[in-house]
Amino acid sequence: RFDLIILPFNSFSEVLETEDQRNLLLKIREHLGPNGCFICPLHNPPVRLGLIDGVRRERGRFPAGERGETLVLSSVERCDQVPGLVRGTQYYDVYDSAHRLLQHREAGLCFYLHTRESFAALVKEAGYQAKALYGDYERGEFRAEESPFMIWILERQRRSNLTFDLQALV
């Protein structure tokens, strides 16, 4: 059991099937200590959808070597025919200090954009309650139309918060 479990980098979004998402949440809950927290960052769809338009966009530049090389990460993303599903390609290009291309790699990507409501229902069903919801990594207030992320801080649902249907138990 752990007091803190983190699934970073919007990784939960890459689990595409609802049944697999449920199973993952249940497995994480099994390993969460009684007073533990599970942190699950997700894309915020209203903001993220503005970047999904089939145009190749630079996502970042990073130092990549001892001789001044630079890694440039870019991607092209499109909405799939399945609502909420995004497909695309990530490009990893390494340039030398004279801006000459040294390496080029591509990787396919596919992820699901959970709405606040759909994720809240999923985690409730798996036995969690939200302790907090932040809109960024500085613990800023979540604002549905402008926050870049949904940073969910979840804990095990407390018995006092559960409602039981006694007829169903008999």
C-alpha atoms as a PDB file:
ATOM      1  CA  ARG A   1       0.000   0.000   0.000  1.00  0.00           C
ATOM      2  CA  PHE A   2       1.137   3.510  -0.812  1.00  0.00           C
ATOM      3  CA  ASP A   3       0.271   6.912   0.634  1.00  0.00           C
ATOM      4  CA  LEU A   4       0.717   8.541  -2.763  1.00  0.00           C
ATOM      5  CA  ILE A   5       0.241   7.197  -6.278  1.00  0.00           C
ATOM      6  CA  ILE A   6       0.825   9.443  -9.290  1.00  0.00           C
ATOM      7  CA  LEU A   7      -0.003   8.618 -12.890  1.00  0.00           C
ATOM      8  CA  PRO A   8       1.887  11.474 -14.610  1.00  0.00           C
ATOM      9  CA  PHE A   9       1.886  13.115 -18.037  1.00  0.00           C
ATOM     10  CA  ASN A  10      -1.816  12.581 -18.835  1.00  0.00           C
ATOM     11  CA  SER A  11      -1.007   8.858 -19.058  1.00  0.00           C
ATOM     12  CA  PHE A  12      -4.501   7.783 -18.027  1.00  0.00           C
ATOM     13  CA  SER A  13      -5.741   9.305 -21.297  1.00  0.00           C
ATOM     14  CA  GLU A  14      -3.789   6.695 -23.235  1.00  0.00           C
ATOM     15  CA  VAL A  15      -5.928   3.901 -21.790  1.00  0.00           C
ATOM     16  CA  LEU A  16      -8.606   3.900 -24.472  1.00  0.00           C
ATOM     17  CA  GLU A  17     -11.187   1.287 -23.506  1.00  0.00           C
ATOM     18  CA  THR A  18     -13.669   2.146 -20.737  1.00  0.00           C
ATOM     19  CA  GLU A  19     -13.365  -1.326 -19.196  1.00  0.00           C
ATOM     20  CA  ASP A  20      -9.562  -1.003 -19.094  1.00  0.00           C
ATOM     21  CA  GLN A  21      -9.926   2.429 -17.479  1.00  0.00           C
ATOM     22  CA  ARG A  22     -12.195   0.974 -14.784  1.00  0.00           C
ATOM     23  CA  ASN A  23      -9.813  -1.907 -14.133  1.00  0.00           C
ATOM     24  CA  LEU A  24      -6.839   0.447 -13.868  1.00  0.00           C
ATOM     25  CA  LEU A  25      -8.662   2.661 -11.356  1.00  0.00           C
ATOM     26  CA  LEU A  26      -9.641  -0.373  -9.282  1.00  0.00           C
ATOM     27  CA  LYS A  27      -6.060  -1.725  -9.281  1.00  0.00           C
ATOM     28  CA  ILE A  28      -4.680   1.644  -8.209  1.00  0.00           C
ATOM     29  CA  ARG A  29      -7.300   1.829  -5.445  1.00  0.00           C
ATOM     30  CA  GLU A  30      -6.230  -1.638  -4.218  1.00  0.00           C
ATOM     31  CA  HIS A  31      -2.714  -0.295  -3.656  1.00  0.00           C
ATOM     32  CA  LEU A  32      -3.741   3.030  -2.150  1.00  0.00           C
ATOM     33  CA  GLY A  33      -3.299   3.268   1.614  1.00  0.00           C
ATOM     34  CA  PRO A  34      -6.331   4.099   3.780  1.00  0.00           C
ATOM     35  CA  ASN A  35      -5.450   7.812   3.901  1.00  0.00           C
ATOM     36  CA  GLY A  36      -3.561   7.872   0.589  1.00  0.00           C
ATOM     37  CA  CYS A  37      -4.012  10.122  -2.427  1.00  0.00           C
ATOM     38  CA  PHE A  38      -4.029   9.311  -6.111  1.00  0.00           C
ATOM     39  CA  ILE A  39      -2.983  12.174  -8.412  1.00  0.00           C
ATOM     40  CA  CYS A  40      -4.216  11.904 -11.992  1.00  0.00           C
ATOM     41  CA  PRO A  41      -3.562  14.798 -14.391  1.00  0.00           C
ATOM     42  CA  LEU A  42      -5.677  14.956 -17.539  1.00  0.00           C
ATOM     43  CA  HIS A  43      -6.014  17.276 -20.510  1.00  0.00           C
ATOM     44  CA  ASN A  44      -8.857  19.778 -20.216  1.00  0.00           C
ATOM     45  CA  PRO A  45     -10.895  19.160 -23.416  1.00  0.00           C
ATOM     46  CA  PRO A  46     -12.129  22.718 -24.105  1.00  0.00           C
ATOM     47  CA  VAL A  47      -8.530  23.974 -24.090  1.00  0.00           C
ATOM     48  CA  ARG A  48      -6.828  20.922 -25.632  1.00  0.00           C
ATOM     49  CA  LEU A  49      -9.284  20.724 -28.531  1.00  0.00           C
ATOM     50  CA  GLY A  50      -8.087  24.171 -29.646  1.00  0.00           C
ATOM     51  CA  LEU A  51      -4.702  22.589 -30.456  1.00  0.00           C
ATOM     52  CA  ILE A  52      -6.116  19.647 -32.391  1.00  0.00           C
ATOM     53  CA  ASP A  53      -6.518  20.854 -35.940  1.00  0.00           C
ATOM     54  CA  GLY A  54      -4.308  18.703 -38.175  1.00  0.00           C
ATOM     55  CA  VAL A  55      -1.508  21.302 -38.213  1.00  0.00           C
ATOM     56  CA  ARG A  56       2.002  20.326 -37.131  1.00  0.00           C
ATOM     57  CA  ARG A  57       2.782  22.307 -33.979  1.00  0.00           C
ATOM     58  CA  GLU A  58       5.984  22.652 -32.021  1.00  0.00           C
ATOM     59  CA  ARG A  59       5.460  21.445 -28.436  1.00  0.00           C
ATOM     60  CA  GLY A  60       8.881  22.248 -27.020  1.00  0.00           C
ATOM     61  CA  ARG A  61      12.646  22.606 -27.420  1.00  0.00           C
ATOM     62  CA  PHE A  62      15.041  20.818 -25.082  1.00  0.00           C
ATOM     63  CA  PRO A  63      18.837  20.620 -24.687  1.00  0.00           C
ATOM     64  CA  ALA A  64      19.901  17.249 -26.086  1.00  0.00           C
ATOM     65  CA  GLY A  65      23.661  16.909 -25.901  1.00  0.00           C
ATOM     66  CA  GLU A  66      27.018  18.195 -24.813  1.00  0.00           C
ATOM     67  CA  ARG A  67      27.717  19.975 -28.108  1.00  0.00           C
ATOM     68  CA  GLY A  68      24.697  22.274 -28.126  1.00  0.00           C
ATOM     69  CA  GLU A  69      22.243  19.869 -29.766  1.00  0.00           C
ATOM     70  CA  THR A  70      18.552  20.626 -29.432  1.00  0.00           C
ATOM     71  CA  LEU A  71      15.601  18.236 -29.418  1.00  0.00           C
ATOM     72  CA  VAL A  72      12.501  19.726 -31.029  1.00  0.00           C
ATOM     73  CA  LEU A  73       9.248  17.962 -30.188  1.00  0.00           C
ATOM     74  CA  SER A  74       6.286  18.607 -32.470  1.00  0.00           C
ATOM     75  CA  SER A  75       3.052  16.853 -33.314  1.00  0.00           C
ATOM     76  CA  VAL A  76       0.074  16.701 -35.621  1.00  0.00           C
ATOM     77  CA  GLU A  77      -3.228  15.709 -34.018  1.00  0.00           C
ATOM     78  CA  ARG A  78      -6.710  15.093 -35.350  1.00  0.00           C
ATOM     79  CA  CYS A  79     -10.013  14.191 -33.747  1.00  0.00           C
ATOM     80  CA  ASP A  80     -11.043  10.651 -34.544  1.00  0.00           C
ATOM     81  CA  GLN A  81     -14.512   9.613 -35.657  1.00  0.00           C
ATOM     82  CA  VAL A  82     -15.025   8.241 -32.131  1.00  0.00           C
ATOM     83  CA  PRO A  83     -15.991  11.204 -29.907  1.00  0.00           C
ATOM     84  CA  GLY A  84     -13.200  12.103 -27.491  1.00  0.00           C
ATOM     85  CA  LEU A  85     -10.536  10.074 -29.290  1.00  0.00           C
ATOM     86  CA  VAL A  86      -7.496  11.901 -30.700  1.00  0.00           C
ATOM     87  CA  ARG A  87      -4.957  10.393 -33.105  1.00  0.00           C
ATOM     88  CA  GLY A  88      -1.781  11.832 -34.522  1.00  0.00           C
ATOM     89  CA  THR A  89       1.973  11.684 -34.884  1.00  0.00           C
ATOM     90  CA  GLN A  90       4.739  13.024 -32.662  1.00  0.00           C
ATOM     91  CA  TYR A  91       8.019  14.103 -34.257  1.00  0.00           C
ATOM     92  CA  TYR A  92      11.365  14.097 -32.477  1.00  0.00           C
ATOM     93  CA  ASP A  93      14.024  16.064 -34.363  1.00  0.00           C
ATOM     94  CA  VAL A  94      17.547  16.612 -33.056  1.00  0.00           C
ATOM     95  CA  TYR A  95      19.516  19.549 -34.472  1.00  0.00           C
ATOM     96  CA  ASP A  96      23.158  20.453 -34.024  1.00  0.00           C
ATOM     97  CA  SER A  97      24.296  23.923 -32.930  1.00  0.00           C
ATOM     98  CA  ALA A  98      24.314  25.041 -36.596  1.00  0.00           C
ATOM     99  CA  HIS A  99      20.628  24.015 -36.881  1.00  0.00           C
ATOM    100  CA  ARG A 100      21.331  20.994 -39.105  1.00  0.00           C
ATOM    101  CA  LEU A 101      19.043  18.009 -38.643  1.00  0.00           C
ATOM    102  CA  LEU A 102      20.936  15.101 -37.042  1.00  0.00           C
ATOM    103  CA  GLN A 103      18.099  12.691 -36.248  1.00  0.00           C
ATOM    104  CA  HIS A 104      14.413  12.353 -37.023  1.00  0.00           C
ATOM    105  CA  ARG A 105      11.991   9.973 -35.329  1.00  0.00           C
ATOM    106  CA  GLU A 106       8.214   9.623 -35.462  1.00  0.00           C
ATOM    107  CA  ALA A 107       5.770   7.939 -33.130  1.00  0.00           C
ATOM    108  CA  GLY A 108       2.039   7.461 -33.452  1.00  0.00           C
ATOM    109  CA  LEU A 109      -0.137   8.737 -30.661  1.00  0.00           C
ATOM    110  CA  CYS A 110      -3.672   8.067 -29.595  1.00  0.00           C
ATOM    111  CA  PHE A 111      -5.410   9.351 -26.493  1.00  0.00           C
ATOM    112  CA  TYR A 112      -8.869   9.923 -25.074  1.00  0.00           C
ATOM    113  CA  LEU A 113     -10.068  13.319 -23.857  1.00  0.00           C
ATOM    114  CA  HIS A 114     -12.112  12.793 -20.708  1.00  0.00           C
ATOM    115  CA  THR A 115     -14.603  15.476 -19.800  1.00  0.00           C
ATOM    116  CA  ARG A 116     -14.774  16.561 -16.187  1.00  0.00           C
ATOM    117  CA  GLU A 117     -18.145  14.841 -15.866  1.00  0.00           C
ATOM    118  CA  SER A 118     -17.124  11.551 -17.505  1.00  0.00           C
ATOM    119  CA  PHE A 119     -13.990  11.200 -15.373  1.00  0.00           C
ATOM    120  CA  ALA A 120     -15.853  12.149 -12.182  1.00  0.00           C
ATOM    121  CA  ALA A 121     -18.428   9.416 -12.868  1.00  0.00           C
ATOM    122  CA  LEU A 122     -15.694   6.870 -13.633  1.00  0.00           C
ATOM    123  CA  VAL A 123     -13.746   7.527 -10.433  1.00  0.00           C
ATOM    124  CA  LYS A 124     -16.885   7.576  -8.294  1.00  0.00           C
ATOM    125  CA  GLU A 125     -17.871   4.186  -9.685  1.00  0.00           C
ATOM    126  CA  ALA A 126     -14.370   2.892  -8.835  1.00  0.00           C
ATOM    127  CA  GLY A 127     -14.707   3.995  -5.203  1.00  0.00           C
ATOM    128  CA  TYR A 128     -12.919   7.350  -5.160  1.00  0.00           C
ATOM    129  CA  GLN A 129     -13.905  10.812  -4.094  1.00  0.00           C
ATOM    130  CA  ALA A 130     -12.297  14.025  -5.274  1.00  0.00           C
ATOM    131  CA  LYS A 131     -10.217  15.728  -2.615  1.00  0.00           C
ATOM    132  CA  ALA A 132      -9.273  18.566  -4.986  1.00  0.00           C
ATOM    133  CA  LEU A 133      -9.321  19.517  -8.651  1.00  0.00           C
ATOM    134  CA  TYR A 134      -6.706  21.974  -9.920  1.00  0.00           C
ATOM    135  CA  GLY A 135      -6.393  23.643 -13.323  1.00  0.00           C
ATOM    136  CA  ASP A 136      -2.583  23.662 -13.482  1.00  0.00           C
ATOM    137  CA  TYR A 137       0.530  22.338 -11.775  1.00  0.00           C
ATOM    138  CA  GLU A 138       0.725  25.374  -9.463  1.00  0.00           C
ATOM    139  CA  ARG A 139      -2.568  24.302  -7.834  1.00  0.00           C
ATOM    140  CA  GLY A 140      -4.493  27.040  -9.599  1.00  0.00           C
ATOM    141  CA  GLU A 141      -8.266  26.988  -9.489  1.00  0.00           C
ATOM    142  CA  PHE A 142      -9.835  24.794 -12.164  1.00  0.00           C
ATOM    143  CA  ARG A 143     -11.661  26.918 -14.731  1.00  0.00           C
ATOM    144  CA  ALA A 144     -13.532  24.810 -17.263  1.00  0.00           C
ATOM    145  CA  GLU A 145     -12.967  27.016 -20.307  1.00  0.00           C
ATOM    146  CA  GLU A 146      -9.368  28.142 -19.693  1.00  0.00           C
ATOM    147  CA  SER A 147      -7.401  25.769 -17.451  1.00  0.00           C
ATOM    148  CA  PRO A 148      -4.882  23.733 -19.465  1.00  0.00           C
ATOM    149  CA  PHE A 149      -5.297  20.645 -17.260  1.00  0.00           C
ATOM    150  CA  MET A 150      -7.527  18.885 -14.812  1.00  0.00           C
ATOM    151  CA  ILE A 151      -5.246  17.792 -11.961  1.00  0.00           C
ATOM    152  CA  TRP A 152      -7.378  15.364  -9.955  1.00  0.00           C
ATOM    153  CA  ILE A 153      -6.433  14.633  -6.337  1.00  0.00           C
ATOM    154  CA  LEU A 154      -8.427  11.546  -5.398  1.00  0.00           C
ATOM    155  CA  GLU A 155      -8.831   9.512  -2.242  1.00  0.00           C
ATOM    156  CA  ARG A 156     -10.687   6.364  -1.311  1.00  0.00           C
ATOM    157  CA  GLN A 157     -14.358   6.986  -0.861  1.00  0.00           C
ATOM    158  CA  ARG A 158     -15.219   7.073   2.847  1.00  0.00           C
ATOM    159  CA  ARG A 159     -17.892   4.710   4.123  1.00  0.00           C
ATOM    160  CA  SER A 160     -19.910   7.647   5.427  1.00  0.00           C
ATOM    161  CA  ASN A 161     -20.117   8.924   1.842  1.00  0.00           C
ATOM    162  CA  LEU A 162     -21.417   5.631   0.454  1.00  0.00           C
ATOM    163  CA  THR A 163     -25.113   4.942   0.159  1.00  0.00           C
ATOM    164  CA  PHE A 164     -26.278   1.371   0.261  1.00  0.00           C
ATOM    165  CA  ASP A 165     -29.417  -0.051  -1.238  1.00  0.00           C
ATOM    166  CA  LEU A 166     -30.378  -2.535   1.485  1.00  0.00           C
ATOM    167  CA  GLN A 167     -32.896  -4.255  -0.789  1.00  0.00           C
ATOM    168  CA  ALA A 168     -30.128  -5.038  -3.276  1.00  0.00           C
ATOM    169  CA  LEU A 169     -28.029  -6.576  -0.495  1.00  0.00           C
ATOM    170  CA  VAL A 170     -30.776  -8.937   0.703  1.00  0.00           C
END
